[in-house]
């Protein structure tokens, strides 16, 4: 997703002081707890938009963009790059052969934990 990479570079420039993105700077200056809270709020807003009605696609897209922005700000603050997250997604796909975390499938629900 090239646009996410571009947005990340723009945000990272604000983190490093090379740019004065006002919205990004305000969020960074508010601190880690505020950034984490914003990610959580936006995630909930995506879910709420999806549940509101059957024609929620536009609202989910808009809220997802907000979620990605806030997540990228958090990543940049923590010096996590999109490439690192992509590498983890690739590792999981290759390890499990599915897009789910281990233990999340239907077959696992009846299995005893040891």
PDB file of N, CA and C in Angstrom:
ATOM      1  N   UNK A   1       0.845  -1.181   0.000  1.00  0.00           N
ATOM      2  CA  UNK A   1       0.000   0.000   0.000  1.00  0.00           C
ATOM      3  C   UNK A   1       0.889   1.241   0.000  1.00  0.00           C
ATOM      4  N   UNK A   2       1.152   1.712  -1.172  1.00  0.00           N
ATOM      5  CA  UNK A   2       2.076   2.846  -1.321  1.00  0.00           C
ATOM      6  C   UNK A   2       1.646   4.075  -0.542  1.00  0.00           C
ATOM      7  N   UNK A   3       0.358   4.344  -0.511  1.00  0.00           N
ATOM      8  CA  UNK A   3      -0.104   5.550   0.185  1.00  0.00           C
ATOM      9  C   UNK A   3       0.216   5.482   1.675  1.00  0.00           C
ATOM     10  N   UNK A   4       0.115   4.302   2.274  1.00  0.00           N
ATOM     11  CA  UNK A   4       0.475   4.159   3.689  1.00  0.00           C
ATOM     12  C   UNK A   4       1.959   4.412   3.896  1.00  0.00           C
ATOM     13  N   UNK A   5       2.788   3.923   2.976  1.00  0.00           N
ATOM     14  CA  UNK A   5       4.230   4.167   3.084  1.00  0.00           C
ATOM     15  C   UNK A   5       4.537   5.662   2.970  1.00  0.00           C
ATOM     16  N   UNK A   6       3.873   6.330   2.040  1.00  0.00           N
ATOM     17  CA  UNK A   6       4.072   7.772   1.862  1.00  0.00           C
ATOM     18  C   UNK A   6       3.614   8.537   3.102  1.00  0.00           C
ATOM     19  N   UNK A   7       2.443   8.186   3.600  1.00  0.00           N
ATOM     20  CA  UNK A   7       1.928   8.838   4.806  1.00  0.00           C
ATOM     21  C   UNK A   7       2.856   8.586   5.987  1.00  0.00           C
ATOM     22  N   UNK A   8       3.366   7.364   6.111  1.00  0.00           N
ATOM     23  CA  UNK A   8       4.303   7.055   7.193  1.00  0.00           C
ATOM     24  C   UNK A   8       5.544   7.945   7.095  1.00  0.00           C
ATOM     25  N   UNK A   9       6.099   8.105   5.899  1.00  0.00           N
ATOM     26  CA  UNK A   9       7.287   8.956   5.733  1.00  0.00           C
ATOM     27  C   UNK A   9       6.979  10.396   6.142  1.00  0.00           C
ATOM     28  N   UNK A  10       5.793  10.875   5.781  1.00  0.00           N
ATOM     29  CA  UNK A  10       5.403  12.236   6.167  1.00  0.00           C
ATOM     30  C   UNK A  10       5.299  12.363   7.682  1.00  0.00           C
ATOM     31  N   UNK A  11       4.686  11.376   8.315  1.00  0.00           N
ATOM     32  CA  UNK A  11       4.542  11.383   9.772  1.00  0.00           C
ATOM     33  C   UNK A  11       5.905  11.282  10.438  1.00  0.00           C
ATOM     34  N   UNK A  12       6.752  10.401   9.920  1.00  0.00           N
ATOM     35  CA  UNK A  12       8.088  10.224  10.483  1.00  0.00           C
ATOM     36  C   UNK A  12       8.896  11.522  10.392  1.00  0.00           C
ATOM     37  N   UNK A  13       8.682  12.285   9.336  1.00  0.00           N
ATOM     38  CA  UNK A  13       9.368  13.577   9.202  1.00  0.00           C
ATOM     39  C   UNK A  13       8.932  14.522  10.321  1.00  0.00           C
ATOM     40  N   UNK A  14       7.673  14.457  10.708  1.00  0.00           N
ATOM     41  CA  UNK A  14       7.195  15.275  11.825  1.00  0.00           C
ATOM     42  C   UNK A  14       7.830  14.793  13.124  1.00  0.00           C
ATOM     43  N   UNK A  15       7.884  13.468  13.311  1.00  0.00           N
ATOM     44  CA  UNK A  15       8.512  12.897  14.509  1.00  0.00           C
ATOM     45  C   UNK A  15       9.948  13.407  14.639  1.00  0.00           C
ATOM     46  N   UNK A  16      10.659  13.437  13.519  1.00  0.00           N
ATOM     47  CA  UNK A  16      12.075  13.823  13.528  1.00  0.00           C
ATOM     48  C   UNK A  16      12.273  15.334  13.454  1.00  0.00           C
ATOM     49  N   UNK A  17      11.182  16.094  13.409  1.00  0.00           N
ATOM     50  CA  UNK A  17      11.275  17.545  13.433  1.00  0.00           C
ATOM     51  C   UNK A  17      11.487  18.214  12.097  1.00  0.00           C
ATOM     52  N   UNK A  18      11.493  17.433  11.000  1.00  0.00           N
ATOM     53  CA  UNK A  18      11.739  18.009   9.682  1.00  0.00           C
ATOM     54  C   UNK A  18      10.493  18.648   9.082  1.00  0.00           C
ATOM     55  N   UNK A  19       9.347  18.380   9.665  1.00  0.00           N
ATOM     56  CA  UNK A  19       8.091  18.907   9.149  1.00  0.00           C
ATOM     57  C   UNK A  19       7.259  19.394  10.322  1.00  0.00           C
ATOM     58  N   UNK A  20       6.331  20.269  10.048  1.00  0.00           N
ATOM     59  CA  UNK A  20       5.511  20.838  11.113  1.00  0.00           C
ATOM     60  C   UNK A  20       4.037  20.464  10.950  1.00  0.00           C
ATOM     61  N   UNK A  21       3.743  19.203  10.598  1.00  0.00           N
ATOM     62  CA  UNK A  21       2.354  18.771  10.477  1.00  0.00           C
ATOM     63  C   UNK A  21       1.610  19.021  11.776  1.00  0.00           C
ATOM     64  N   UNK A  22       0.686  19.962  11.760  1.00  0.00           N
ATOM     65  CA  UNK A  22       0.055  20.404  13.004  1.00  0.00           C
ATOM     66  C   UNK A  22      -0.737  19.297  13.694  1.00  0.00           C
ATOM     67  N   UNK A  23      -1.572  18.572  12.946  1.00  0.00           N
ATOM     68  CA  UNK A  23      -2.371  17.511  13.558  1.00  0.00           C
ATOM     69  C   UNK A  23      -1.458  16.420  14.114  1.00  0.00           C
ATOM     70  N   UNK A  24      -0.473  16.037  13.342  1.00  0.00           N
ATOM     71  CA  UNK A  24       0.458  14.990  13.765  1.00  0.00           C
ATOM     72  C   UNK A  24       1.276  15.448  14.962  1.00  0.00           C
ATOM     73  N   UNK A  25       1.791  16.664  14.918  1.00  0.00           N
ATOM     74  CA  UNK A  25       2.603  17.199  16.018  1.00  0.00           C
ATOM     75  C   UNK A  25       1.786  17.259  17.304  1.00  0.00           C
ATOM     76  N   UNK A  26       0.533  17.696  17.214  1.00  0.00           N
ATOM     77  CA  UNK A  26      -0.327  17.786  18.390  1.00  0.00           C
ATOM     78  C   UNK A  26      -0.514  16.404  19.019  1.00  0.00           C
ATOM     79  N   UNK A  27      -0.735  15.405  18.180  1.00  0.00           N
ATOM     80  CA  UNK A  27      -0.923  14.050  18.680  1.00  0.00           C
ATOM     81  C   UNK A  27       0.362  13.512  19.308  1.00  0.00           C
ATOM     82  N   UNK A  28       1.487  13.743  18.652  1.00  0.00           N
ATOM     83  CA  UNK A  28       2.774  13.304  19.203  1.00  0.00           C
ATOM     84  C   UNK A  28       3.070  13.982  20.537  1.00  0.00           C
ATOM     85  N   UNK A  29       2.801  15.275  20.607  1.00  0.00           N
ATOM     86  CA  UNK A  29       3.068  16.024  21.837  1.00  0.00           C
ATOM     87  C   UNK A  29       2.162  15.581  22.988  1.00  0.00           C
ATOM     88  N   UNK A  30       1.000  15.014  22.656  1.00  0.00           N
ATOM     89  CA  UNK A  30       0.072  14.544  23.688  1.00  0.00           C
ATOM     90  C   UNK A  30       0.593  13.288  24.384  1.00  0.00           C
ATOM     91  N   UNK A  31       1.507  12.577  23.737  1.00  0.00           N
ATOM     92  CA  UNK A  31       2.146  11.430  24.376  1.00  0.00           C
ATOM     93  C   UNK A  31       1.587  10.082  23.966  1.00  0.00           C
ATOM     94  N   UNK A  32       2.295   9.064  24.403  1.00  0.00           N
ATOM     95  CA  UNK A  32       1.991   7.687  24.014  1.00  0.00           C
ATOM     96  C   UNK A  32       0.593   7.249  24.427  1.00  0.00           C
ATOM     97  N   UNK A  33       0.173   7.581  25.631  1.00  0.00           N
ATOM     98  CA  UNK A  33      -1.155   7.157  26.078  1.00  0.00           C
ATOM     99  C   UNK A  33      -2.251   7.734  25.193  1.00  0.00           C
ATOM    100  N   UNK A  34      -2.113   8.997  24.800  1.00  0.00           N
ATOM    101  CA  UNK A  34      -3.110   9.622  23.920  1.00  0.00           C
ATOM    102  C   UNK A  34      -3.099   8.954  22.549  1.00  0.00           C
ATOM    103  N   UNK A  35      -1.904   8.655  22.032  1.00  0.00           N
ATOM    104  CA  UNK A  35      -1.809   7.984  20.733  1.00  0.00           C
ATOM    105  C   UNK A  35      -2.480   6.619  20.793  1.00  0.00           C
ATOM    106  N   UNK A  36      -2.201   5.864  21.840  1.00  0.00           N
ATOM    107  CA  UNK A  36      -2.797   4.539  21.987  1.00  0.00           C
ATOM    108  C   UNK A  36      -4.318   4.648  22.118  1.00  0.00           C
ATOM    109  N   UNK A  37      -4.772   5.626  22.863  1.00  0.00           N
ATOM    110  CA  UNK A  37      -6.220   5.843  23.032  1.00  0.00           C
ATOM    111  C   UNK A  37      -6.870   6.157  21.689  1.00  0.00           C
ATOM    112  N   UNK A  38      -6.232   6.985  20.883  1.00  0.00           N
ATOM    113  CA  UNK A  38      -6.785   7.335  19.563  1.00  0.00           C
ATOM    114  C   UNK A  38      -6.893   6.103  18.668  1.00  0.00           C
ATOM    115  N   UNK A  39      -5.890   5.225  18.712  1.00  0.00           N
ATOM    116  CA  UNK A  39      -5.945   3.992  17.921  1.00  0.00           C
ATOM    117  C   UNK A  39      -7.153   3.159  18.366  1.00  0.00           C
ATOM    118  N   UNK A  40      -7.328   3.027  19.668  1.00  0.00           N
ATOM    119  CA  UNK A  40      -8.470   2.277  20.182  1.00  0.00           C
ATOM    120  C   UNK A  40      -9.797   2.894  19.791  1.00  0.00           C
ATOM    121  N   UNK A  41      -9.913   4.209  19.926  1.00  0.00           N
ATOM    122  CA  UNK A  41     -11.151   4.903  19.559  1.00  0.00           C
ATOM    123  C   UNK A  41     -11.487   4.697  18.086  1.00  0.00           C
ATOM    124  N   UNK A  42     -10.481   4.841  17.246  1.00  0.00           N
ATOM    125  CA  UNK A  42     -10.725   4.697  15.803  1.00  0.00           C
ATOM    126  C   UNK A  42     -11.093   3.261  15.445  1.00  0.00           C
ATOM    127  N   UNK A  43     -10.481   2.279  16.119  1.00  0.00           N
ATOM    128  CA  UNK A  43     -10.853   0.887  15.882  1.00  0.00           C
ATOM    129  C   UNK A  43     -12.307   0.636  16.220  1.00  0.00           C
ATOM    130  N   UNK A  44     -12.758   1.202  17.330  1.00  0.00           N
ATOM    131  CA  UNK A  44     -14.161   1.070  17.725  1.00  0.00           C
ATOM    132  C   UNK A  44     -15.056   1.769  16.699  1.00  0.00           C
ATOM    133  N   UNK A  45     -14.641   2.921  16.209  1.00  0.00           N
ATOM    134  CA  UNK A  45     -15.453   3.638  15.221  1.00  0.00           C
ATOM    135  C   UNK A  45     -15.585   2.853  13.919  1.00  0.00           C
ATOM    136  N   UNK A  46     -14.550   2.124  13.530  1.00  0.00           N
ATOM    137  CA  UNK A  46     -14.654   1.257  12.348  1.00  0.00           C
ATOM    138  C   UNK A  46     -15.718   0.192  12.597  1.00  0.00           C
ATOM    139  N   UNK A  47     -15.655  -0.442  13.759  1.00  0.00           N
ATOM    140  CA  UNK A  47     -16.618  -1.494  14.084  1.00  0.00           C
ATOM    141  C   UNK A  47     -18.041  -0.949  14.149  1.00  0.00           C
ATOM    142  N   UNK A  48     -18.224   0.197  14.767  1.00  0.00           N
ATOM    143  CA  UNK A  48     -19.554   0.796  14.879  1.00  0.00           C
ATOM    144  C   UNK A  48     -20.087   1.152  13.497  1.00  0.00           C
ATOM    145  N   UNK A  49     -19.253   1.718  12.650  1.00  0.00           N
ATOM    146  CA  UNK A  49     -19.679   2.069  11.294  1.00  0.00           C
ATOM    147  C   UNK A  49     -20.118   0.823  10.532  1.00  0.00           C
ATOM    148  N   UNK A  50     -19.414  -0.266  10.726  1.00  0.00           N
ATOM    149  CA  UNK A  50     -19.767  -1.509  10.026  1.00  0.00           C
ATOM    150  C   UNK A  50     -21.102  -2.063  10.508  1.00  0.00           C
ATOM    151  N   UNK A  51     -21.436  -1.863  11.760  1.00  0.00           N
ATOM    152  CA  UNK A  51     -22.658  -2.426  12.323  1.00  0.00           C
ATOM    153  C   UNK A  51     -23.888  -1.546  12.130  1.00  0.00           C
ATOM    154  N   UNK A  52     -23.708  -0.294  11.764  1.00  0.00           N
ATOM    155  CA  UNK A  52     -24.838   0.635  11.701  1.00  0.00           C
ATOM    156  C   UNK A  52     -25.898   0.240  10.690  1.00  0.00           C
ATOM    157  N   UNK A  53     -25.478  -0.126   9.488  1.00  0.00           N
ATOM    158  CA  UNK A  53     -26.454  -0.529   8.477  1.00  0.00           C
ATOM    159  C   UNK A  53     -25.750  -1.274   7.359  1.00  0.00           C
ATOM    160  N   UNK A  54     -26.546  -1.762   6.423  1.00  0.00           N
ATOM    161  CA  UNK A  54     -26.003  -2.558   5.327  1.00  0.00           C
ATOM    162  C   UNK A  54     -25.232  -1.728   4.308  1.00  0.00           C
ATOM    163  N   UNK A  55     -25.409  -0.425   4.305  1.00  0.00           N
ATOM    164  CA  UNK A  55     -24.703   0.424   3.343  1.00  0.00           C
ATOM    165  C   UNK A  55     -23.591   1.196   4.048  1.00  0.00           C
ATOM    166  N   UNK A  56     -22.839   0.514   4.885  1.00  0.00           N
ATOM    167  CA  UNK A  56     -21.829   1.160   5.724  1.00  0.00           C
ATOM    168  C   UNK A  56     -20.478   1.281   5.051  1.00  0.00           C
ATOM    169  N   UNK A  57     -20.354   0.861   3.795  1.00  0.00           N
ATOM    170  CA  UNK A  57     -19.037   0.805   3.167  1.00  0.00           C
ATOM    171  C   UNK A  57     -18.301   2.142   3.217  1.00  0.00           C
ATOM    172  N   UNK A  58     -18.953   3.233   2.848  1.00  0.00           N
ATOM    173  CA  UNK A  58     -18.280   4.543   2.830  1.00  0.00           C
ATOM    174  C   UNK A  58     -17.821   4.943   4.230  1.00  0.00           C
ATOM    175  N   UNK A  59     -18.658   4.727   5.218  1.00  0.00           N
ATOM    176  CA  UNK A  59     -18.296   5.080   6.594  1.00  0.00           C
ATOM    177  C   UNK A  59     -17.138   4.224   7.091  1.00  0.00           C
ATOM    178  N   UNK A  60     -17.132   2.949   6.748  1.00  0.00           N
ATOM    179  CA  UNK A  60     -16.034   2.071   7.171  1.00  0.00           C
ATOM    180  C   UNK A  60     -14.734   2.502   6.507  1.00  0.00           C
ATOM    181  N   UNK A  61     -14.796   2.889   5.249  1.00  0.00           N
ATOM    182  CA  UNK A  61     -13.597   3.374   4.553  1.00  0.00           C
ATOM    183  C   UNK A  61     -13.058   4.627   5.237  1.00  0.00           C
ATOM    184  N   UNK A  62     -13.932   5.581   5.538  1.00  0.00           N
ATOM    185  CA  UNK A  62     -13.504   6.821   6.184  1.00  0.00           C
ATOM    186  C   UNK A  62     -12.907   6.561   7.561  1.00  0.00           C
ATOM    187  N   UNK A  63     -13.565   5.738   8.345  1.00  0.00           N
ATOM    188  CA  UNK A  63     -13.062   5.435   9.690  1.00  0.00           C
ATOM    189  C   UNK A  63     -11.774   4.620   9.630  1.00  0.00           C
ATOM    190  N   UNK A  64     -11.654   3.755   8.629  1.00  0.00           N
ATOM    191  CA  UNK A  64     -10.426   2.977   8.460  1.00  0.00           C
ATOM    192  C   UNK A  64      -9.254   3.897   8.146  1.00  0.00           C
ATOM    193  N   UNK A  65      -9.496   4.926   7.338  1.00  0.00           N
ATOM    194  CA  UNK A  65      -8.435   5.895   7.039  1.00  0.00           C
ATOM    195  C   UNK A  65      -7.987   6.596   8.319  1.00  0.00           C
ATOM    196  N   UNK A  66      -8.942   6.956   9.184  1.00  0.00           N
ATOM    197  CA  UNK A  66      -8.591   7.560  10.476  1.00  0.00           C
ATOM    198  C   UNK A  66      -7.774   6.590  11.323  1.00  0.00           C
ATOM    199  N   UNK A  67      -8.187   5.328  11.331  1.00  0.00           N
ATOM    200  CA  UNK A  67      -7.468   4.309  12.102  1.00  0.00           C
ATOM    201  C   UNK A  67      -6.042   4.156  11.593  1.00  0.00           C
ATOM    202  N   UNK A  68      -5.880   4.053  10.270  1.00  0.00           N
ATOM    203  CA  UNK A  68      -4.534   3.914   9.708  1.00  0.00           C
ATOM    204  C   UNK A  68      -3.661   5.116  10.072  1.00  0.00           C
ATOM    205  N   UNK A  69      -4.206   6.331   9.956  1.00  0.00           N
ATOM    206  CA  UNK A  69      -3.420   7.516  10.295  1.00  0.00           C
ATOM    207  C   UNK A  69      -2.919   7.436  11.732  1.00  0.00           C
ATOM    208  N   UNK A  70      -3.827   7.168  12.660  1.00  0.00           N
ATOM    209  CA  UNK A  70      -3.445   7.132  14.069  1.00  0.00           C
ATOM    210  C   UNK A  70      -2.508   5.978  14.376  1.00  0.00           C
ATOM    211  N   UNK A  71      -2.679   4.868  13.709  1.00  0.00           N
ATOM    212  CA  UNK A  71      -1.778   3.734  13.887  1.00  0.00           C
ATOM    213  C   UNK A  71      -0.379   4.075  13.372  1.00  0.00           C
ATOM    214  N   UNK A  72      -0.317   4.741  12.229  1.00  0.00           N
ATOM    215  CA  UNK A  72       0.983   5.139  11.686  1.00  0.00           C
ATOM    216  C   UNK A  72       1.696   6.136  12.596  1.00  0.00           C
ATOM    217  N   UNK A  73       0.955   7.043  13.212  1.00  0.00           N
ATOM    218  CA  UNK A  73       1.562   7.978  14.167  1.00  0.00           C
ATOM    219  C   UNK A  73       2.149   7.202  15.342  1.00  0.00           C
ATOM    220  N   UNK A  74       1.392   6.241  15.857  1.00  0.00           N
ATOM    221  CA  UNK A  74       1.884   5.415  16.962  1.00  0.00           C
ATOM    222  C   UNK A  74       3.127   4.639  16.555  1.00  0.00           C
ATOM    223  N   UNK A  75       3.091   4.012  15.370  1.00  0.00           N
ATOM    224  CA  UNK A  75       4.259   3.274  14.891  1.00  0.00           C
ATOM    225  C   UNK A  75       5.483   4.178  14.795  1.00  0.00           C
ATOM    226  N   UNK A  76       5.310   5.351  14.181  1.00  0.00           N
ATOM    227  CA  UNK A  76       6.447   6.264  14.008  1.00  0.00           C
ATOM    228  C   UNK A  76       7.011   6.678  15.362  1.00  0.00           C
ATOM    229  N   UNK A  77       6.131   6.951  16.301  1.00  0.00           N
ATOM    230  CA  UNK A  77       6.579   7.324  17.655  1.00  0.00           C
ATOM    231  C   UNK A  77       7.401   6.190  18.277  1.00  0.00           C
ATOM    232  N   UNK A  78       6.997   4.962  18.035  1.00  0.00           N
ATOM    233  CA  UNK A  78       7.686   3.797  18.607  1.00  0.00           C
ATOM    234  C   UNK A  78       8.803   3.275  17.705  1.00  0.00           C
ATOM    235  N   UNK A  79       9.076   3.990  16.609  1.00  0.00           N
ATOM    236  CA  UNK A  79      10.106   3.609  15.650  1.00  0.00           C
ATOM    237  C   UNK A  79       9.834   2.225  15.040  1.00  0.00           C
ATOM    238  N   UNK A  80       8.563   1.986  14.729  1.00  0.00           N
ATOM    239  CA  UNK A  80       8.124   0.770  14.035  1.00  0.00           C
ATOM    240  C   UNK A  80       7.775   1.190  12.617  1.00  0.00           C
ATOM    241  N   UNK A  81       8.295   0.481  11.635  1.00  0.00           N
ATOM    242  CA  UNK A  81       8.012   0.824  10.245  1.00  0.00           C
ATOM    243  C   UNK A  81       6.933  -0.085   9.673  1.00  0.00           C
ATOM    244  N   UNK A  82       6.232   0.381   8.645  1.00  0.00           N
ATOM    245  CA  UNK A  82       5.275  -0.496   7.968  1.00  0.00           C
ATOM    246  C   UNK A  82       5.946  -1.773   7.454  1.00  0.00           C
ATOM    247  N   UNK A  83       7.200  -1.683   7.040  1.00  0.00           N
ATOM    248  CA  UNK A  83       7.915  -2.865   6.544  1.00  0.00           C
ATOM    249  C   UNK A  83       8.062  -3.917   7.647  1.00  0.00           C
ATOM    250  N   UNK A  84       8.252  -3.487   8.882  1.00  0.00           N
ATOM    251  CA  UNK A  84       8.360  -4.440   9.991  1.00  0.00           C
ATOM    252  C   UNK A  84       7.034  -5.160  10.224  1.00  0.00           C
ATOM    253  N   UNK A  85       5.946  -4.426  10.148  1.00  0.00           N
ATOM    254  CA  UNK A  85       4.627  -5.035  10.325  1.00  0.00           C
ATOM    255  C   UNK A  85       4.325  -5.967   9.148  1.00  0.00           C
ATOM    256  N   UNK A  86       4.671  -5.531   7.953  1.00  0.00           N
ATOM    257  CA  UNK A  86       4.480  -6.373   6.772  1.00  0.00           C
ATOM    258  C   UNK A  86       5.281  -7.670   6.897  1.00  0.00           C
ATOM    259  N   UNK A  87       6.503  -7.577   7.402  1.00  0.00           N
ATOM    260  CA  UNK A  87       7.327  -8.769   7.594  1.00  0.00           C
ATOM    261  C   UNK A  87       6.674  -9.733   8.585  1.00  0.00           C
ATOM    262  N   UNK A  88       6.061  -9.203   9.628  1.00  0.00           N
ATOM    263  CA  UNK A  88       5.366 -10.054  10.601  1.00  0.00           C
ATOM    264  C   UNK A  88       4.152 -10.723   9.965  1.00  0.00           C
ATOM    265  N   UNK A  89       3.425  -9.987   9.134  1.00  0.00           N
ATOM    266  CA  UNK A  89       2.286 -10.582   8.424  1.00  0.00           C
ATOM    267  C   UNK A  89       2.751 -11.701   7.494  1.00  0.00           C
ATOM    268  N   UNK A  90       3.842 -11.467   6.802  1.00  0.00           N
ATOM    269  CA  UNK A  90       4.406 -12.487   5.915  1.00  0.00           C
ATOM    270  C   UNK A  90       4.835 -13.705   6.722  1.00  0.00           C
ATOM    271  N   UNK A  91       5.504 -13.477   7.848  1.00  0.00           N
ATOM    272  CA  UNK A  91       5.937 -14.584   8.697  1.00  0.00           C
ATOM    273  C   UNK A  91       4.751 -15.430   9.139  1.00  0.00           C
ATOM    274  N   UNK A  92       3.687 -14.781   9.554  1.00  0.00           N
ATOM    275  CA  UNK A  92       2.502 -15.523  10.005  1.00  0.00           C
ATOM    276  C   UNK A  92       1.864 -16.308   8.860  1.00  0.00           C
ATOM    277  N   UNK A  93       1.763 -15.671   7.699  1.00  0.00           N
ATOM    278  CA  UNK A  93       1.170 -16.354   6.550  1.00  0.00           C
ATOM    279  C   UNK A  93       1.982 -17.577   6.179  1.00  0.00           C
ATOM    280  N   UNK A  94       3.284 -17.424   6.164  1.00  0.00           N
ATOM    281  CA  UNK A  94       4.150 -18.543   5.792  1.00  0.00           C
ATOM    282  C   UNK A  94       4.164 -19.634   6.861  1.00  0.00           C
ATOM    283  N   UNK A  95       4.113 -19.250   8.115  1.00  0.00           N
ATOM    284  CA  UNK A  95       4.156 -20.207   9.210  1.00  0.00           C
ATOM    285  C   UNK A  95       2.861 -21.002   9.333  1.00  0.00           C
ATOM    286  N   UNK A  96       1.740 -20.327   9.215  1.00  0.00           N
ATOM    287  CA  UNK A  96       0.456 -20.960   9.460  1.00  0.00           C
ATOM    288  C   UNK A  96      -0.322 -21.274   8.186  1.00  0.00           C
ATOM    289  N   UNK A  97       0.047 -20.668   7.078  1.00  0.00           N
ATOM    290  CA  UNK A  97      -0.646 -20.910   5.826  1.00  0.00           C
ATOM    291  C   UNK A  97      -2.040 -20.323   5.781  1.00  0.00           C
ATOM    292  N   UNK A  98      -2.387 -19.529   6.773  1.00  0.00           N
ATOM    293  CA  UNK A  98      -3.692 -18.869   6.833  1.00  0.00           C
ATOM    294  C   UNK A  98      -3.496 -17.461   7.361  1.00  0.00           C
ATOM    295  N   UNK A  99      -4.538 -16.667   7.272  1.00  0.00           N
ATOM    296  CA  UNK A  99      -4.446 -15.272   7.699  1.00  0.00           C
ATOM    297  C   UNK A  99      -4.875 -15.092   9.148  1.00  0.00           C
ATOM    298  N   UNK A 100      -4.968 -16.174   9.912  1.00  0.00           N
ATOM    299  CA  UNK A 100      -5.416 -16.090  11.287  1.00  0.00           C
ATOM    300  C   UNK A 100      -4.282 -16.458  12.227  1.00  0.00           C
ATOM    301  N   UNK A 101      -4.389 -16.001  13.442  1.00  0.00           N
ATOM    302  CA  UNK A 101      -3.420 -16.378  14.464  1.00  0.00           C
ATOM    303  C   UNK A 101      -3.683 -17.828  14.866  1.00  0.00           C
ATOM    304  N   UNK A 102      -2.675 -18.543  15.311  1.00  0.00           N
ATOM    305  CA  UNK A 102      -2.886 -19.925  15.728  1.00  0.00           C
ATOM    306  C   UNK A 102      -3.872 -19.992  16.885  1.00  0.00           C
ATOM    307  N   UNK A 103      -4.696 -21.044  16.865  1.00  0.00           N
ATOM    308  CA  UNK A 103      -5.657 -21.218  17.938  1.00  0.00           C
ATOM    309  C   UNK A 103      -6.940 -20.452  17.741  1.00  0.00           C
ATOM    310  N   UNK A 104      -7.095 -19.773  16.605  1.00  0.00           N
ATOM    311  CA  UNK A 104      -8.303 -18.980  16.396  1.00  0.00           C
ATOM    312  C   UNK A 104      -9.322 -19.689  15.520  1.00  0.00           C
ATOM    313  N   UNK A 105      -8.991 -20.861  15.016  1.00  0.00           N
ATOM    314  CA  UNK A 105      -9.906 -21.567  14.115  1.00  0.00           C
ATOM    315  C   UNK A 105     -10.969 -22.330  14.833  1.00  0.00           C
ATOM    316  N   UNK A 106     -12.029 -22.700  14.094  1.00  0.00           N
ATOM    317  CA  UNK A 106     -13.133 -23.456  14.642  1.00  0.00           C
ATOM    318  C   UNK A 106     -12.685 -24.784  15.224  1.00  0.00           C
ATOM    319  N   UNK A 107     -11.737 -25.436  14.578  1.00  0.00           N
ATOM    320  CA  UNK A 107     -11.282 -26.746  15.039  1.00  0.00           C
ATOM    321  C   UNK A 107     -10.632 -26.666  16.411  1.00  0.00           C
ATOM    322  N   UNK A 108     -10.068 -25.512  16.723  1.00  0.00           N
ATOM    323  CA  UNK A 108      -9.378 -25.345  18.003  1.00  0.00           C
ATOM    324  C   UNK A 108     -10.323 -25.091  19.164  1.00  0.00           C
ATOM    325  N   UNK A 109     -11.572 -24.693  18.883  1.00  0.00           N
ATOM    326  CA  UNK A 109     -12.479 -24.298  19.955  1.00  0.00           C
ATOM    327  C   UNK A 109     -12.828 -25.448  20.887  1.00  0.00           C
ATOM    328  N   UNK A 110     -12.920 -26.659  20.337  1.00  0.00           N
ATOM    329  CA  UNK A 110     -13.255 -27.795  21.182  1.00  0.00           C
ATOM    330  C   UNK A 110     -12.037 -28.486  21.761  1.00  0.00           C
ATOM    331  N   UNK A 111     -10.866 -28.099  21.330  1.00  0.00           N
ATOM    332  CA  UNK A 111      -9.633 -28.744  21.785  1.00  0.00           C
ATOM    333  C   UNK A 111      -9.315 -28.314  23.202  1.00  0.00           C
ATOM    334  N   UNK A 112      -8.789 -29.252  23.984  1.00  0.00           N
ATOM    335  CA  UNK A 112      -8.389 -28.961  25.359  1.00  0.00           C
ATOM    336  C   UNK A 112      -7.047 -28.238  25.359  1.00  0.00           C
ATOM    337  N   UNK A 113      -6.916 -27.295  26.225  1.00  0.00           N
ATOM    338  CA  UNK A 113      -5.640 -26.613  26.415  1.00  0.00           C
ATOM    339  C   UNK A 113      -4.832 -27.415  27.426  1.00  0.00           C
ATOM    340  N   UNK A 114      -3.566 -27.629  27.109  1.00  0.00           N
ATOM    341  CA  UNK A 114      -2.712 -28.371  28.035  1.00  0.00           C
ATOM    342  C   UNK A 114      -1.658 -27.497  28.618  1.00  0.00           C
TER     343      UNK A 114
END
